[in-house]
């Protein structure tokens, strides 16, 4: 996910006169930024509507890529769910097939499969739960029209309808779906 999260170009005093927006000064990068923007220590830039810096994608999640981040989370949740489903189907097949006196199959089940099943199942459950929590957090942020940083700093913005907030994240075509 190497998309632009909403990098804010360096704005000096002269440029602000021409723009009709409210700006704050960032002491870390010595530039002006629109209200609702935050400075990322890792990227060393100010990001528009920055939610967090994600180590999974090595990029900030901001105004311009929150949609892609939420899609990424939903794909991982779907993949983990189907992994668990296939795992359960295979366990059922192993258990029903083990009574057929196939010595190799029985040896494999007894000696190797339980460890692999437990490890594989735990990894799938951890990924599913973590991504579900992150996805719900993103939906709550959209519902409240506040990023994670805004919530921590108790910054409040004008409350939008949930549908309008989702349109801001996913674009205008979201309303047509």
Protein backbone atom coordinates (compact mmCIF):
# COMPACT_ATOMS: atom_id res chain seq x y z
CA UNK A 1 0.00 0.00 0.00
CA UNK A 2 2.41 2.60 -1.24
CA UNK A 3 -0.27 5.20 -1.89
CA UNK A 4 -0.06 8.79 -0.74
CA UNK A 5 -1.80 8.95 2.66
CA UNK A 6 -2.28 12.71 2.39
CA UNK A 7 1.18 14.24 2.54
CA UNK A 8 0.94 17.97 3.06
CA UNK A 9 3.38 20.05 1.00
CA UNK A 10 5.48 22.54 2.90
CA UNK A 11 3.47 25.73 3.22
CA UNK A 12 5.16 28.99 4.14
CA UNK A 13 3.55 32.24 5.35
CA UNK A 14 3.27 33.73 1.85
CA UNK A 15 1.21 30.80 0.54
CA UNK A 16 -1.41 31.01 3.30
CA UNK A 17 -2.68 34.43 2.23
CA UNK A 18 -4.12 32.93 -0.97
CA UNK A 19 -5.96 30.01 0.70
CA UNK A 20 -9.25 30.30 2.58
CA UNK A 21 -8.61 27.62 5.26
CA UNK A 22 -7.61 27.54 8.91
CA UNK A 23 -4.01 26.43 9.44
CA UNK A 24 -1.89 25.50 12.44
CA UNK A 25 1.88 25.55 12.65
CA UNK A 26 3.86 22.31 12.94
CA UNK A 27 6.96 22.84 15.06
CA UNK A 28 8.54 19.58 13.91
CA UNK A 29 8.66 20.31 10.18
CA UNK A 30 8.35 24.12 10.47
CA UNK A 31 5.41 24.29 8.12
CA UNK A 32 1.74 25.20 8.20
CA UNK A 33 -0.90 22.51 7.93
CA UNK A 34 -4.71 22.37 7.78
CA UNK A 35 -6.59 21.63 11.00
CA UNK A 36 -7.00 17.88 11.47
CA UNK A 37 -3.52 17.08 10.15
CA UNK A 38 -0.87 15.46 12.30
CA UNK A 39 2.90 14.99 12.10
CA UNK A 40 4.23 11.44 11.68
CA UNK A 41 7.54 10.80 13.44
CA UNK A 42 8.35 7.87 11.15
CA UNK A 43 7.58 9.58 7.82
CA UNK A 44 8.82 12.96 9.11
CA UNK A 45 5.90 14.70 7.36
CA UNK A 46 2.49 16.08 8.18
CA UNK A 47 -0.40 13.89 7.02
CA UNK A 48 -3.95 15.04 6.28
CA UNK A 49 -6.42 13.22 8.60
CA UNK A 50 -3.67 10.91 9.85
CA UNK A 51 -5.03 7.90 11.74
CA UNK A 52 -1.80 6.02 12.51
CA UNK A 53 1.48 4.82 11.03
CA UNK A 54 0.99 1.17 10.07
CA UNK A 55 4.05 -1.05 10.35
CA UNK A 56 2.37 -3.76 8.22
CA UNK A 57 2.23 -1.54 5.14
CA UNK A 58 5.16 0.75 6.09
CA UNK A 59 3.04 3.83 5.50
CA UNK A 60 0.71 6.19 7.29
CA UNK A 61 -3.03 5.69 7.10
CA UNK A 62 -4.54 9.03 6.19
CA UNK A 63 -7.22 10.73 4.14
CA UNK A 64 -6.15 9.41 0.74
CA UNK A 65 -5.47 5.76 1.62
CA UNK A 66 -7.85 4.89 4.46
CA UNK A 67 -10.12 3.22 1.88
CA UNK A 68 -7.29 0.96 0.74
CA UNK A 69 -6.35 0.15 4.34
CA UNK A 70 -9.92 -0.90 5.13
CA UNK A 71 -10.02 -3.04 1.97
CA UNK A 72 -6.71 -4.62 2.98
CA UNK A 73 -8.12 -5.50 6.42
CA UNK A 74 -11.29 -6.96 4.92
CA UNK A 75 -9.27 -9.14 2.51
CA UNK A 76 -7.13 -10.50 5.36
CA UNK A 77 -10.24 -11.19 7.45
CA UNK A 78 -11.86 -13.07 4.55
CA UNK A 79 -8.67 -15.04 3.88
CA UNK A 80 -8.31 -15.98 7.57
CA UNK A 81 -11.96 -17.03 7.77
CA UNK A 82 -11.62 -19.28 4.72
CA UNK A 83 -8.35 -20.69 6.08
CA UNK A 84 -10.15 -21.69 9.27
CA UNK A 85 -13.03 -23.15 7.28
CA UNK A 86 -10.67 -25.24 5.12
CA UNK A 87 -8.76 -26.31 8.22
CA UNK A 88 -11.95 -27.57 9.86
CA UNK A 89 -12.96 -29.42 6.69
CA UNK A 90 -9.54 -31.10 6.53
CA UNK A 91 -9.68 -32.07 10.21
CA UNK A 92 -13.12 -33.59 9.65
CA UNK A 93 -11.83 -35.52 6.62
CA UNK A 94 -8.75 -36.74 8.51
CA UNK A 95 -10.84 -37.95 11.41
CA UNK A 96 -13.34 -39.75 9.19
CA UNK A 97 -10.57 -41.28 7.02
CA UNK A 98 -8.37 -42.44 9.91
CA UNK A 99 -10.62 -45.40 10.69
CA UNK A 100 -10.01 -47.00 7.27
CA UNK A 101 -6.78 -48.81 8.34
CA UNK A 102 -4.50 -46.73 6.18
CA UNK A 103 -1.29 -46.93 8.24
CA UNK A 104 0.47 -44.01 6.57
CA UNK A 105 -2.51 -41.70 6.98
CA UNK A 106 -2.94 -42.74 10.61
CA UNK A 107 0.81 -42.19 11.25
CA UNK A 108 0.62 -38.72 9.71
CA UNK A 109 -2.40 -37.76 11.77
CA UNK A 110 -0.95 -39.00 15.05
CA UNK A 111 2.58 -37.66 14.64
CA UNK A 112 2.43 -34.50 12.56
CA UNK A 113 -1.02 -33.11 11.92
CA UNK A 114 -2.00 -32.03 15.45
CA UNK A 115 0.96 -29.66 15.74
CA UNK A 116 0.42 -28.19 12.29
CA UNK A 117 -3.32 -27.86 12.85
CA UNK A 118 -2.86 -26.07 16.17
CA UNK A 119 -0.19 -23.70 14.82
CA UNK A 120 -2.07 -22.99 11.60
CA UNK A 121 -5.36 -22.51 13.44
CA UNK A 122 -3.82 -20.15 16.00
CA UNK A 123 -2.20 -18.01 13.31
CA UNK A 124 -5.47 -17.77 11.36
CA UNK A 125 -7.44 -16.88 14.51
CA UNK A 126 -4.91 -14.21 15.56
CA UNK A 127 -4.96 -12.59 12.10
CA UNK A 128 -8.76 -12.75 11.94
CA UNK A 129 -9.24 -11.20 15.38
CA UNK A 130 -6.59 -8.50 14.96
CA UNK A 131 -7.90 -7.42 11.57
CA UNK A 132 -11.50 -7.51 12.80
CA UNK A 133 -10.58 -5.24 15.72
CA UNK A 134 -8.72 -2.85 13.40
CA UNK A 135 -11.59 -2.85 10.90
CA UNK A 136 -14.15 -2.11 13.62
CA UNK A 137 -11.87 0.67 14.91
CA UNK A 138 -11.80 2.20 11.42
CA UNK A 139 -15.61 1.99 11.19
CA UNK A 140 -15.98 3.63 14.61
CA UNK A 141 -13.59 6.38 13.50
CA UNK A 142 -15.71 6.92 10.40
CA UNK A 143 -18.89 6.96 12.49
CA UNK A 144 -17.45 9.57 14.86
CA UNK A 145 -15.67 11.48 12.07
CA UNK A 146 -12.48 11.40 14.16
CA UNK A 147 -9.21 9.61 13.58
CA UNK A 148 -7.48 7.56 16.25
CA UNK A 149 -5.13 10.45 17.04
CA UNK A 150 -8.06 12.87 17.27
CA UNK A 151 -9.75 10.54 19.75
CA UNK A 152 -6.61 10.27 21.89
CA UNK A 153 -6.12 14.04 21.89
CA UNK A 154 -9.89 14.60 22.43
CA UNK A 155 -10.16 16.76 19.30
CA UNK A 156 -13.74 17.09 18.05
CA UNK A 157 -14.84 17.96 14.55
CA UNK A 158 -18.20 18.66 13.02
CA UNK A 159 -20.22 15.46 13.21
CA UNK A 160 -21.15 14.09 9.80
CA UNK A 161 -23.77 11.49 9.07
CA UNK A 162 -22.23 8.03 8.95
CA UNK A 163 -23.08 7.72 5.25
CA UNK A 164 -21.37 11.05 4.49
CA UNK A 165 -18.31 10.00 6.45
CA UNK A 166 -18.13 6.74 4.48
CA UNK A 167 -18.46 8.73 1.24
CA UNK A 168 -15.46 10.83 2.35
CA UNK A 169 -13.44 7.65 2.86
CA UNK A 170 -14.59 5.49 -0.07
CA UNK A 171 -15.46 8.22 -2.56
CA UNK A 172 -18.69 9.26 -4.25
CA UNK A 173 -19.26 5.88 -5.89
CA UNK A 174 -19.85 4.38 -2.44
CA UNK A 175 -23.37 5.82 -2.43
CA UNK A 176 -24.17 3.95 -5.66
CA UNK A 177 -23.28 0.55 -4.23
